[in-house]
Amino acid sequence: MWFSNLRLFRLTKSFSQTPEELGEALQAHAFRACGSLELSSYGWVSPMGRHGSELVHAANGNIMICARKEEKILPAAAIREIVNEKALEIEEAQARPVRRKERDAIKDEIIQDLLPRALKKSSLTFAYISPRDNLVVINTAGANKAEELLSYLRGSIGSLALVPISLTATPTAVMTRWLTGEVVPAEFELLDECELREKGDDGSIIRCKRQDLASDEIQVHLDAGKQAVKLAISWQEHVSCIINEDFSLKRLRFGEEVLEKSGEADDAGPVAAFDQDFTIMTLELARFIPKLIEAFGGENAIEQI
């Protein structure tokens, strides 16, 4: 349940639904398995998995939700091969070329035939809403997955006014300045990993791991005009992560001191353990996220609706 990636969104309108009201709204959009002729299915499931039945989990003023996506596995290469075989059969039997429109129709027929027998794969995307902090935090590295969850949430509850966190300075500029000698804000520490990139779509990329970021080697690349697009940082030894150029966070890790608190509820059962982990995690993130935003120069003013 501990989040390992973060995408941060600022609510521009106060979230007024209670956990009970939200749970009721999500129930009408609960997950159901793919039908025999469906390519995918998406819906809400209990954040506690088999240990819970409610579609929301509330603790310390925060509300966790979880979306499940189920997809049929239809390898594109295999379908393309079957289409080519069938098209060749038609061309040889009827002495005529098979045009694109006919190929598309053949492909659709093949997919419809394979769907009922296709294997399935599932993925879960967790998120929590913090009405107190006007935040929505999504545990995903991918922008598309985040938007998929938010779009489905809007459809489930009617509306959801939010925007991605918008900083006064670009993360790339801030991270580059830190690497070129600007004092890193108190409580933060640069670790040993970064990614540097030249400007332009075709610019060269340097990826560094287990590297002294203050070394001459790094400075040479920065002096040549490369900019930091990823940077590993630590905050008070409580949280470490990789900051990306779009201000998303990857490889989020919580320190030993934080995780030790988590173990205190292990003997109380899975529900109590989940509740305590969620509370500890959100308390830490409620302290960390504002400090991180401040370290990057602060947030652009958002007009509250």
C-alpha atoms as a PDB file:
ATOM      1  CA  MET A   1       0.000   0.000   0.000  1.00  0.00           C
ATOM      2  CA  TRP A   2       2.958   2.336   0.499  1.00  0.00           C
ATOM      3  CA  PHE A   3       3.109   4.636  -2.505  1.00  0.00           C
ATOM      4  CA  SER A   4       6.224   4.326  -4.651  1.00  0.00           C
ATOM      5  CA  ASN A   5       5.447   7.039  -7.243  1.00  0.00           C
ATOM      6  CA  LEU A   6       3.635  10.345  -6.897  1.00  0.00           C
ATOM      7  CA  ARG A   7       1.726  12.594  -9.242  1.00  0.00           C
ATOM      8  CA  LEU A   8       0.374  15.648  -7.453  1.00  0.00           C
ATOM      9  CA  PHE A   9      -2.781  17.593  -8.263  1.00  0.00           C
ATOM     10  CA  ARG A  10      -4.169  20.696  -6.593  1.00  0.00           C
ATOM     11  CA  LEU A  11      -7.918  20.875  -5.995  1.00  0.00           C
ATOM     12  CA  THR A  12      -9.240  24.225  -7.212  1.00  0.00           C
ATOM     13  CA  LYS A  13     -12.577  23.658  -5.523  1.00  0.00           C
ATOM     14  CA  SER A  14     -13.007  22.320  -2.023  1.00  0.00           C
ATOM     15  CA  PHE A  15     -13.786  18.616  -1.934  1.00  0.00           C
ATOM     16  CA  SER A  16     -16.974  18.466   0.099  1.00  0.00           C
ATOM     17  CA  GLN A  17     -18.089  14.846  -0.209  1.00  0.00           C
ATOM     18  CA  THR A  18     -17.838  12.715   2.898  1.00  0.00           C
ATOM     19  CA  PRO A  19     -16.186   9.291   2.623  1.00  0.00           C
ATOM     20  CA  GLU A  20     -19.644   7.733   2.853  1.00  0.00           C
ATOM     21  CA  GLU A  21     -21.007   9.901   0.028  1.00  0.00           C
ATOM     22  CA  LEU A  22     -17.977   9.205  -2.116  1.00  0.00           C
ATOM     23  CA  GLY A  23     -18.238   5.462  -1.487  1.00  0.00           C
ATOM     24  CA  GLU A  24     -21.871   5.480  -2.533  1.00  0.00           C
ATOM     25  CA  ALA A  25     -21.058   7.375  -5.743  1.00  0.00           C
ATOM     26  CA  LEU A  26     -18.221   4.995  -6.617  1.00  0.00           C
ATOM     27  CA  GLN A  27     -20.400   1.943  -6.040  1.00  0.00           C
ATOM     28  CA  ALA A  28     -22.303   2.619  -9.262  1.00  0.00           C
ATOM     29  CA  HIS A  29     -18.965   2.454 -11.091  1.00  0.00           C
ATOM     30  CA  ALA A  30     -17.434  -0.510  -9.303  1.00  0.00           C
ATOM     31  CA  PHE A  31     -15.144  -2.811 -11.222  1.00  0.00           C
ATOM     32  CA  ARG A  32     -16.594  -5.711 -13.183  1.00  0.00           C
ATOM     33  CA  ALA A  33     -14.633  -8.269 -15.137  1.00  0.00           C
ATOM     34  CA  CYS A  34     -14.269  -7.960 -18.914  1.00  0.00           C
ATOM     35  CA  GLY A  35     -17.139  -9.375 -20.935  1.00  0.00           C
ATOM     36  CA  SER A  36     -16.292 -12.025 -23.493  1.00  0.00           C
ATOM     37  CA  LEU A  37     -16.174  -9.467 -26.328  1.00  0.00           C
ATOM     38  CA  GLU A  38     -14.650  -6.557 -24.399  1.00  0.00           C
ATOM     39  CA  LEU A  39     -11.032  -5.523 -24.772  1.00  0.00           C
ATOM     40  CA  SER A  40     -10.801  -3.944 -21.313  1.00  0.00           C
ATOM     41  CA  SER A  41     -12.710  -3.061 -18.190  1.00  0.00           C
ATOM     42  CA  TYR A  42     -12.137  -0.327 -15.588  1.00  0.00           C
ATOM     43  CA  GLY A  43     -13.722   0.346 -12.216  1.00  0.00           C
ATOM     44  CA  TRP A  44     -13.325   0.891  -8.496  1.00  0.00           C
ATOM     45  CA  VAL A  45     -12.257  -1.791  -6.034  1.00  0.00           C
ATOM     46  CA  SER A  46     -11.570  -1.791  -2.315  1.00  0.00           C
ATOM     47  CA  PRO A  47      -8.170  -0.268  -1.493  1.00  0.00           C
ATOM     48  CA  MET A  48      -7.743  -3.046   1.072  1.00  0.00           C
ATOM     49  CA  GLY A  49      -8.162  -5.772  -1.531  1.00  0.00           C
ATOM     50  CA  ARG A  50      -9.559  -9.051  -0.195  1.00  0.00           C
ATOM     51  CA  HIS A  51      -9.490  -7.648   3.347  1.00  0.00           C
ATOM     52  CA  GLY A  52     -12.133  -5.008   2.611  1.00  0.00           C
ATOM     53  CA  SER A  53     -15.406  -4.461   0.800  1.00  0.00           C
ATOM     54  CA  GLU A  54     -15.775  -0.664   0.979  1.00  0.00           C
ATOM     55  CA  LEU A  55     -14.611   1.301  -2.060  1.00  0.00           C
ATOM     56  CA  VAL A  56     -13.055   4.052   0.054  1.00  0.00           C
ATOM     57  CA  HIS A  57     -10.813   3.975   3.097  1.00  0.00           C
ATOM     58  CA  ALA A  58     -10.700   7.078   5.261  1.00  0.00           C
ATOM     59  CA  ALA A  59      -8.131   7.888   7.942  1.00  0.00           C
ATOM     60  CA  ASN A  60      -6.890  11.109   9.512  1.00  0.00           C
ATOM     61  CA  GLY A  61      -9.004  13.201   7.144  1.00  0.00           C
ATOM     62  CA  ASN A  62      -7.679  11.540   3.967  1.00  0.00           C
ATOM     63  CA  ILE A  63      -9.632   9.276   1.613  1.00  0.00           C
ATOM     64  CA  MET A  64      -7.979   6.461  -0.310  1.00  0.00           C
ATOM     65  CA  ILE A  65      -9.459   4.971  -3.474  1.00  0.00           C
ATOM     66  CA  CYS A  66      -8.259   2.311  -5.892  1.00  0.00           C
ATOM     67  CA  ALA A  67      -9.026   1.650  -9.570  1.00  0.00           C
ATOM     68  CA  ARG A  68      -8.569  -1.701 -11.251  1.00  0.00           C
ATOM     69  CA  LYS A  69      -8.024  -2.112 -14.975  1.00  0.00           C
ATOM     70  CA  GLU A  70      -8.393  -5.471 -16.689  1.00  0.00           C
ATOM     71  CA  GLU A  71      -7.180  -5.916 -20.266  1.00  0.00           C
ATOM     72  CA  LYS A  72      -7.256  -8.746 -22.778  1.00  0.00           C
ATOM     73  CA  ILE A  73      -3.850  -9.759 -24.097  1.00  0.00           C
ATOM     74  CA  LEU A  74      -3.894  -9.806 -27.890  1.00  0.00           C
ATOM     75  CA  PRO A  75      -0.328  -9.633 -29.261  1.00  0.00           C
ATOM     76  CA  ALA A  76      -0.245  -7.186 -32.165  1.00  0.00           C
ATOM     77  CA  ALA A  77       2.423  -9.173 -33.999  1.00  0.00           C
ATOM     78  CA  ALA A  78       0.346 -12.361 -33.882  1.00  0.00           C
ATOM     79  CA  ILE A  79      -2.778 -10.575 -35.135  1.00  0.00           C
ATOM     80  CA  ARG A  80      -0.799  -8.933 -37.936  1.00  0.00           C
ATOM     81  CA  GLU A  81       0.534 -12.323 -39.023  1.00  0.00           C
ATOM     82  CA  ILE A  82      -2.959 -13.834 -39.172  1.00  0.00           C
ATOM     83  CA  VAL A  83      -4.252 -10.830 -41.131  1.00  0.00           C
ATOM     84  CA  ASN A  84      -1.409 -11.168 -43.642  1.00  0.00           C
ATOM     85  CA  GLU A  85      -2.118 -14.883 -44.070  1.00  0.00           C
ATOM     86  CA  LYS A  86      -5.830 -14.338 -44.670  1.00  0.00           C
ATOM     87  CA  ALA A  87      -5.170 -11.440 -47.053  1.00  0.00           C
ATOM     88  CA  LEU A  88      -2.738 -13.588 -49.029  1.00  0.00           C
ATOM     89  CA  GLU A  89      -5.316 -16.382 -49.277  1.00  0.00           C
ATOM     90  CA  ILE A  90      -7.864 -13.935 -50.703  1.00  0.00           C
ATOM     91  CA  GLU A  91      -5.367 -12.456 -53.176  1.00  0.00           C
ATOM     92  CA  GLU A  92      -4.366 -15.897 -54.446  1.00  0.00           C
ATOM     93  CA  ALA A  93      -7.924 -17.252 -54.633  1.00  0.00           C
ATOM     94  CA  GLN A  94      -9.495 -14.166 -56.223  1.00  0.00           C
ATOM     95  CA  ALA A  95      -6.505 -12.746 -58.137  1.00  0.00           C
ATOM     96  CA  ARG A  96      -6.942  -9.256 -56.717  1.00  0.00           C
ATOM     97  CA  PRO A  97      -5.219  -7.085 -54.122  1.00  0.00           C
ATOM     98  CA  VAL A  98      -6.674  -6.722 -50.625  1.00  0.00           C
ATOM     99  CA  ARG A  99      -7.009  -3.021 -49.875  1.00  0.00           C
ATOM    100  CA  ARG A 100      -6.538  -1.372 -46.491  1.00  0.00           C
ATOM    101  CA  LYS A 101     -10.249  -1.106 -45.702  1.00  0.00           C
ATOM    102  CA  GLU A 102     -10.696  -4.830 -46.280  1.00  0.00           C
ATOM    103  CA  ARG A 103      -7.602  -5.593 -44.205  1.00  0.00           C
ATOM    104  CA  ASP A 104      -9.074  -3.567 -41.325  1.00  0.00           C
ATOM    105  CA  ALA A 105     -12.315  -5.564 -41.581  1.00  0.00           C
ATOM    106  CA  ILE A 106     -10.346  -8.826 -41.502  1.00  0.00           C
ATOM    107  CA  LYS A 107      -8.455  -7.583 -38.443  1.00  0.00           C
ATOM    108  CA  ASP A 108     -11.707  -6.726 -36.641  1.00  0.00           C
ATOM    109  CA  GLU A 109     -13.080 -10.204 -37.369  1.00  0.00           C
ATOM    110  CA  ILE A 110      -9.939 -11.834 -36.021  1.00  0.00           C
ATOM    111  CA  ILE A 111     -10.018  -9.760 -32.833  1.00  0.00           C
ATOM    112  CA  GLN A 112     -13.686 -10.585 -32.231  1.00  0.00           C
ATOM    113  CA  ASP A 113     -12.889 -14.261 -32.721  1.00  0.00           C
ATOM    114  CA  LEU A 114      -9.923 -14.198 -30.319  1.00  0.00           C
ATOM    115  CA  LEU A 115     -11.407 -12.017 -27.553  1.00  0.00           C
ATOM    116  CA  PRO A 116     -13.424 -14.740 -25.745  1.00  0.00           C
ATOM    117  CA  ARG A 117     -10.288 -16.911 -25.505  1.00  0.00           C
ATOM    118  CA  ALA A 118      -7.740 -14.195 -24.719  1.00  0.00           C
ATOM    119  CA  LEU A 119      -5.774 -14.129 -21.478  1.00  0.00           C
ATOM    120  CA  LYS A 120      -6.320 -11.223 -19.098  1.00  0.00           C
ATOM    121  CA  LYS A 121      -4.018  -9.011 -17.073  1.00  0.00           C
ATOM    122  CA  SER A 122      -4.955  -6.596 -14.300  1.00  0.00           C
ATOM    123  CA  SER A 123      -3.358  -3.525 -12.759  1.00  0.00           C
ATOM    124  CA  LEU A 124      -4.256  -1.387  -9.753  1.00  0.00           C
ATOM    125  CA  THR A 125      -3.858   2.373  -9.380  1.00  0.00           C
ATOM    126  CA  PHE A 126      -4.122   3.834  -5.878  1.00  0.00           C
ATOM    127  CA  ALA A 127      -4.811   7.454  -5.023  1.00  0.00           C
ATOM    128  CA  TYR A 128      -5.872   9.498  -2.047  1.00  0.00           C
ATOM    129  CA  ILE A 129      -7.764  12.735  -1.671  1.00  0.00           C
ATOM    130  CA  SER A 130      -6.707  15.188   1.022  1.00  0.00           C
ATOM    131  CA  PRO A 131      -9.558  17.706   1.419  1.00  0.00           C
ATOM    132  CA  ARG A 132      -7.650  19.469   4.185  1.00  0.00           C
ATOM    133  CA  ASP A 133      -4.625  20.128   1.960  1.00  0.00           C
ATOM    134  CA  ASN A 134      -6.608  20.461  -1.299  1.00  0.00           C
ATOM    135  CA  LEU A 135      -4.530  17.691  -2.840  1.00  0.00           C
ATOM    136  CA  VAL A 136      -5.067  14.555  -4.876  1.00  0.00           C
ATOM    137  CA  VAL A 137      -2.073  12.216  -4.811  1.00  0.00           C
ATOM    138  CA  ILE A 138      -1.854   9.352  -7.316  1.00  0.00           C
ATOM    139  CA  ASN A 139       0.528   6.431  -7.017  1.00  0.00           C
ATOM    140  CA  THR A 140       1.681   6.123 -10.619  1.00  0.00           C
ATOM    141  CA  ALA A 141       4.697   7.027 -12.704  1.00  0.00           C
ATOM    142  CA  GLY A 142       2.641   7.477 -15.865  1.00  0.00           C
ATOM    143  CA  ALA A 143       0.743  10.626 -16.801  1.00  0.00           C
ATOM    144  CA  ASN A 144      -1.737   8.577 -18.842  1.00  0.00           C
ATOM    145  CA  LYS A 145      -2.585   6.324 -15.900  1.00  0.00           C
ATOM    146  CA  ALA A 146      -3.125   9.347 -13.681  1.00  0.00           C
ATOM    147  CA  GLU A 147      -5.432  11.004 -16.210  1.00  0.00           C
ATOM    148  CA  GLU A 148      -7.310   7.731 -16.701  1.00  0.00           C
ATOM    149  CA  LEU A 149      -8.068   7.541 -12.980  1.00  0.00           C
ATOM    150  CA  LEU A 150      -9.014  11.219 -12.730  1.00  0.00           C
ATOM    151  CA  SER A 151     -11.263  11.012 -15.778  1.00  0.00           C
ATOM    152  CA  TYR A 152     -13.058   7.997 -14.343  1.00  0.00           C
ATOM    153  CA  LEU A 153     -13.368   9.715 -10.961  1.00  0.00           C
ATOM    154  CA  ARG A 154     -14.930  12.767 -12.592  1.00  0.00           C
ATOM    155  CA  GLY A 155     -17.411  10.527 -14.357  1.00  0.00           C
ATOM    156  CA  SER A 156     -18.209   8.726 -11.121  1.00  0.00           C
ATOM    157  CA  ILE A 157     -18.876  11.784  -8.953  1.00  0.00           C
ATOM    158  CA  GLY A 158     -20.010  14.326 -11.564  1.00  0.00           C
ATOM    159  CA  SER A 159     -17.126  16.778 -11.432  1.00  0.00           C
ATOM    160  CA  LEU A 160     -13.656  17.218  -9.982  1.00  0.00           C
ATOM    161  CA  ALA A 161     -11.940  20.603 -10.230  1.00  0.00           C
ATOM    162  CA  LEU A 162      -8.165  20.199 -10.079  1.00  0.00           C
ATOM    163  CA  VAL A 163      -4.933  20.954 -11.924  1.00  0.00           C
ATOM    164  CA  PRO A 164      -1.411  19.530 -11.753  1.00  0.00           C
ATOM    165  CA  ILE A 165       0.817  21.263  -9.216  1.00  0.00           C
ATOM    166  CA  SER A 166       2.224  24.348 -10.987  1.00  0.00           C
ATOM    167  CA  LEU A 167       5.550  25.748  -9.771  1.00  0.00           C
ATOM    168  CA  THR A 168       6.869  29.289 -10.132  1.00  0.00           C
ATOM    169  CA  ALA A 169      10.162  27.903 -11.487  1.00  0.00           C
ATOM    170  CA  THR A 170      10.697  24.947 -13.779  1.00  0.00           C
ATOM    171  CA  PRO A 171      12.013  21.849 -11.966  1.00  0.00           C
ATOM    172  CA  THR A 172      14.755  21.474 -14.574  1.00  0.00           C
ATOM    173  CA  ALA A 173      16.100  24.958 -13.857  1.00  0.00           C
ATOM    174  CA  VAL A 174      16.037  24.433 -10.090  1.00  0.00           C
ATOM    175  CA  MET A 175      17.709  21.016 -10.207  1.00  0.00           C
ATOM    176  CA  THR A 176      20.383  22.299 -12.574  1.00  0.00           C
ATOM    177  CA  ARG A 177      21.158  25.225 -10.256  1.00  0.00           C
ATOM    178  CA  TRP A 178      21.527  22.842  -7.315  1.00  0.00           C
ATOM    179  CA  LEU A 179      24.039  20.776  -9.264  1.00  0.00           C
ATOM    180  CA  THR A 180      26.017  23.841 -10.331  1.00  0.00           C
ATOM    181  CA  GLY A 181      26.584  24.963  -6.752  1.00  0.00           C
ATOM    182  CA  GLU A 182      23.469  26.759  -5.548  1.00  0.00           C
ATOM    183  CA  VAL A 183      22.819  25.939  -1.897  1.00  0.00           C
ATOM    184  CA  VAL A 184      20.265  23.157  -1.548  1.00  0.00           C
ATOM    185  CA  PRO A 185      17.427  24.140   0.820  1.00  0.00           C
ATOM    186  CA  ALA A 186      17.732  23.042   4.416  1.00  0.00           C
ATOM    187  CA  GLU A 187      16.351  19.586   5.251  1.00  0.00           C
ATOM    188  CA  PHE A 188      17.136  18.346   1.722  1.00  0.00           C
ATOM    189  CA  GLU A 189      20.177  16.438   0.492  1.00  0.00           C
ATOM    190  CA  LEU A 190      21.279  15.492  -3.002  1.00  0.00           C
ATOM    191  CA  LEU A 191      21.932  11.766  -3.393  1.00  0.00           C
ATOM    192  CA  ASP A 192      24.021   9.971  -6.008  1.00  0.00           C
ATOM    193  CA  GLU A 193      21.835   9.790  -9.085  1.00  0.00           C
ATOM    194  CA  CYS A 194      20.791  12.187 -11.841  1.00  0.00           C
ATOM    195  CA  GLU A 195      20.015  12.428 -15.530  1.00  0.00           C
ATOM    196  CA  LEU A 196      21.408  15.241 -17.639  1.00  0.00           C
ATOM    197  CA  ARG A 197      20.171  16.171 -21.103  1.00  0.00           C
ATOM    198  CA  GLU A 198      21.099  18.636 -23.790  1.00  0.00           C
ATOM    199  CA  LYS A 199      18.421  21.012 -25.003  1.00  0.00           C
ATOM    200  CA  GLY A 200      16.482  19.911 -28.071  1.00  0.00           C
ATOM    201  CA  ASP A 201      14.777  16.683 -29.021  1.00  0.00           C
ATOM    202  CA  ASP A 202      18.001  15.164 -30.347  1.00  0.00           C
ATOM    203  CA  GLY A 203      20.207  16.234 -27.438  1.00  0.00           C
ATOM    204  CA  SER A 204      22.511  13.712 -25.807  1.00  0.00           C
ATOM    205  CA  ILE A 205      21.559  12.153 -22.454  1.00  0.00           C
ATOM    206  CA  ILE A 206      23.849  11.247 -19.556  1.00  0.00           C
ATOM    207  CA  ARG A 207      22.540   8.940 -16.819  1.00  0.00           C
ATOM    208  CA  CYS A 208      24.535   8.768 -13.603  1.00  0.00           C
ATOM    209  CA  LYS A 209      24.148   6.299 -10.723  1.00  0.00           C
ATOM    210  CA  ARG A 210      26.325   5.919  -7.633  1.00  0.00           C
ATOM    211  CA  GLN A 211      28.063   9.117  -8.710  1.00  0.00           C
ATOM    212  CA  ASP A 212      29.341  12.068  -6.682  1.00  0.00           C
ATOM    213  CA  LEU A 213      27.151  14.801  -8.152  1.00  0.00           C
ATOM    214  CA  ALA A 214      29.632  17.480  -7.102  1.00  0.00           C
ATOM    215  CA  SER A 215      32.418  15.851  -9.110  1.00  0.00           C
ATOM    216  CA  ASP A 216      34.280  17.539 -11.974  1.00  0.00           C
ATOM    217  CA  GLU A 217      32.814  14.954 -14.356  1.00  0.00           C
ATOM    218  CA  ILE A 218      29.274  16.186 -13.675  1.00  0.00           C
ATOM    219  CA  GLN A 219      30.341  19.837 -13.825  1.00  0.00           C
ATOM    220  CA  VAL A 220      31.868  19.346 -17.285  1.00  0.00           C
ATOM    221  CA  HIS A 221      28.503  18.188 -18.644  1.00  0.00           C
ATOM    222  CA  LEU A 222      26.695  21.090 -16.961  1.00  0.00           C
ATOM    223  CA  ASP A 223      29.224  23.597 -18.292  1.00  0.00           C
ATOM    224  CA  ALA A 224      28.583  22.173 -21.772  1.00  0.00           C
ATOM    225  CA  GLY A 225      24.918  23.160 -21.472  1.00  0.00           C
ATOM    226  CA  LYS A 226      23.240  19.998 -20.254  1.00  0.00           C
ATOM    227  CA  GLN A 227      20.389  20.351 -17.773  1.00  0.00           C
ATOM    228  CA  ALA A 228      19.184  18.123 -14.960  1.00  0.00           C
ATOM    229  CA  VAL A 229      15.925  16.381 -15.865  1.00  0.00           C
ATOM    230  CA  LYS A 230      16.044  13.826 -13.031  1.00  0.00           C
ATOM    231  CA  LEU A 231      17.603  14.130  -9.611  1.00  0.00           C
ATOM    232  CA  ALA A 232      17.711  11.896  -6.530  1.00  0.00           C
ATOM    233  CA  ILE A 233      17.074  13.682  -3.244  1.00  0.00           C
ATOM    234  CA  SER A 234      16.474  12.897   0.405  1.00  0.00           C
ATOM    235  CA  TRP A 235      14.406  14.813   2.939  1.00  0.00           C
ATOM    236  CA  GLN A 236      15.347  14.548   6.628  1.00  0.00           C
ATOM    237  CA  GLU A 237      16.181  10.863   6.037  1.00  0.00           C
ATOM    238  CA  HIS A 238      12.409  10.281   6.165  1.00  0.00           C
ATOM    239  CA  VAL A 239      11.719  10.310   2.430  1.00  0.00           C
ATOM    240  CA  SER A 240      13.886   9.809  -0.659  1.00  0.00           C
ATOM    241  CA  CYS A 241      12.874   9.892  -4.317  1.00  0.00           C
ATOM    242  CA  ILE A 242      13.757  10.811  -7.887  1.00  0.00           C
ATOM    243  CA  ILE A 243      12.374  14.188  -8.986  1.00  0.00           C
ATOM    244  CA  ASN A 244      11.442  14.330 -12.686  1.00  0.00           C
ATOM    245  CA  GLU A 245      11.338  17.366 -14.942  1.00  0.00           C
ATOM    246  CA  ASP A 246       7.519  17.392 -14.767  1.00  0.00           C
ATOM    247  CA  PHE A 247       7.656  17.380 -10.927  1.00  0.00           C
ATOM    248  CA  SER A 248       6.442  13.807 -10.698  1.00  0.00           C
ATOM    249  CA  LEU A 249       8.224  11.608  -8.169  1.00  0.00           C
ATOM    250  CA  LYS A 250       9.563   8.115  -8.800  1.00  0.00           C
ATOM    251  CA  ARG A 251      11.138   5.469  -6.603  1.00  0.00           C
ATOM    252  CA  LEU A 252       9.664   7.004  -3.479  1.00  0.00           C
ATOM    253  CA  ARG A 253      11.137   5.399  -0.363  1.00  0.00           C
ATOM    254  CA  PHE A 254      10.379   5.964   3.288  1.00  0.00           C
ATOM    255  CA  GLY A 255      13.152   5.877   5.874  1.00  0.00           C
ATOM    256  CA  GLU A 256      13.665   3.257   8.553  1.00  0.00           C
ATOM    257  CA  GLU A 257      12.331   5.519  11.287  1.00  0.00           C
ATOM    258  CA  VAL A 258       9.048   5.882   9.413  1.00  0.00           C
ATOM    259  CA  LEU A 259       8.752   2.186   8.584  1.00  0.00           C
ATOM    260  CA  GLU A 260       9.449   1.190  12.199  1.00  0.00           C
ATOM    261  CA  LYS A 261       6.245   2.967  13.211  1.00  0.00           C
ATOM    262  CA  SER A 262       4.418   0.900  10.616  1.00  0.00           C
ATOM    263  CA  GLY A 263       5.403  -2.400  12.209  1.00  0.00           C
ATOM    264  CA  GLU A 264       3.689  -1.567  15.483  1.00  0.00           C
ATOM    265  CA  ALA A 265       0.259  -2.638  14.182  1.00  0.00           C
ATOM    266  CA  ASP A 266       1.304  -5.878  12.473  1.00  0.00           C
ATOM    267  CA  ASP A 267      -0.090  -8.052  15.254  1.00  0.00           C
ATOM    268  CA  ALA A 268      -3.472  -6.293  15.166  1.00  0.00           C
ATOM    269  CA  GLY A 269      -4.515  -7.812  11.827  1.00  0.00           C
ATOM    270  CA  PRO A 270      -4.425  -6.685   8.194  1.00  0.00           C
ATOM    271  CA  VAL A 271      -7.175  -4.053   8.484  1.00  0.00           C
ATOM    272  CA  ALA A 272      -5.534  -2.290  11.438  1.00  0.00           C
ATOM    273  CA  ALA A 273      -2.126  -2.546   9.759  1.00  0.00           C
ATOM    274  CA  PHE A 274      -3.483  -1.037   6.534  1.00  0.00           C
ATOM    275  CA  ASP A 275      -5.126   1.792   8.464  1.00  0.00           C
ATOM    276  CA  GLN A 276      -1.954   2.586  10.371  1.00  0.00           C
ATOM    277  CA  ASP A 277       0.255   2.438   7.269  1.00  0.00           C
ATOM    278  CA  PHE A 278      -2.091   4.775   5.426  1.00  0.00           C
ATOM    279  CA  THR A 279      -2.106   7.203   8.350  1.00  0.00           C
ATOM    280  CA  ILE A 280       1.682   7.190   8.733  1.00  0.00           C
ATOM    281  CA  MET A 281       2.294   7.562   5.010  1.00  0.00           C
ATOM    282  CA  THR A 282      -0.117  10.475   4.559  1.00  0.00           C
ATOM    283  CA  LEU A 283       1.226  12.253   7.654  1.00  0.00           C
ATOM    284  CA  GLU A 284       4.745  12.048   6.249  1.00  0.00           C
ATOM    285  CA  LEU A 285       3.645  13.183   2.797  1.00  0.00           C
ATOM    286  CA  ALA A 286       1.629  16.049   4.309  1.00  0.00           C
ATOM    287  CA  ARG A 287       4.909  17.316   5.776  1.00  0.00           C
ATOM    288  CA  PHE A 288       7.120  16.449   2.809  1.00  0.00           C
ATOM    289  CA  ILE A 289       5.065  17.759  -0.131  1.00  0.00           C
ATOM    290  CA  PRO A 290       4.771  21.409   1.062  1.00  0.00           C
ATOM    291  CA  LYS A 291       8.498  21.458   1.883  1.00  0.00           C
ATOM    292  CA  LEU A 292       9.314  20.082  -1.562  1.00  0.00           C
ATOM    293  CA  ILE A 293       7.131  22.686  -3.284  1.00  0.00           C
ATOM    294  CA  GLU A 294       8.806  25.414  -1.213  1.00  0.00           C
ATOM    295  CA  ALA A 295      12.262  24.071  -2.126  1.00  0.00           C
ATOM    296  CA  PHE A 296      11.354  24.429  -5.801  1.00  0.00           C
ATOM    297  CA  GLY A 297      10.440  28.068  -5.419  1.00  0.00           C
ATOM    298  CA  GLY A 298       6.817  27.765  -4.406  1.00  0.00           C
ATOM    299  CA  GLU A 299       3.559  27.228  -6.249  1.00  0.00           C
ATOM    300  CA  ASN A 300       1.795  29.481  -8.707  1.00  0.00           C
ATOM    301  CA  ALA A 301      -1.361  31.017  -7.296  1.00  0.00           C
ATOM    302  CA  ILE A 302      -4.463  28.972  -8.066  1.00  0.00           C
ATOM    303  CA  GLU A 303      -7.842  30.630  -8.278  1.00  0.00           C
ATOM    304  CA  GLN A 304     -10.217  28.783  -6.021  1.00  0.00           C
ATOM    305  CA  ILE A 305     -13.588  28.119  -7.652  1.00  0.00           C
END
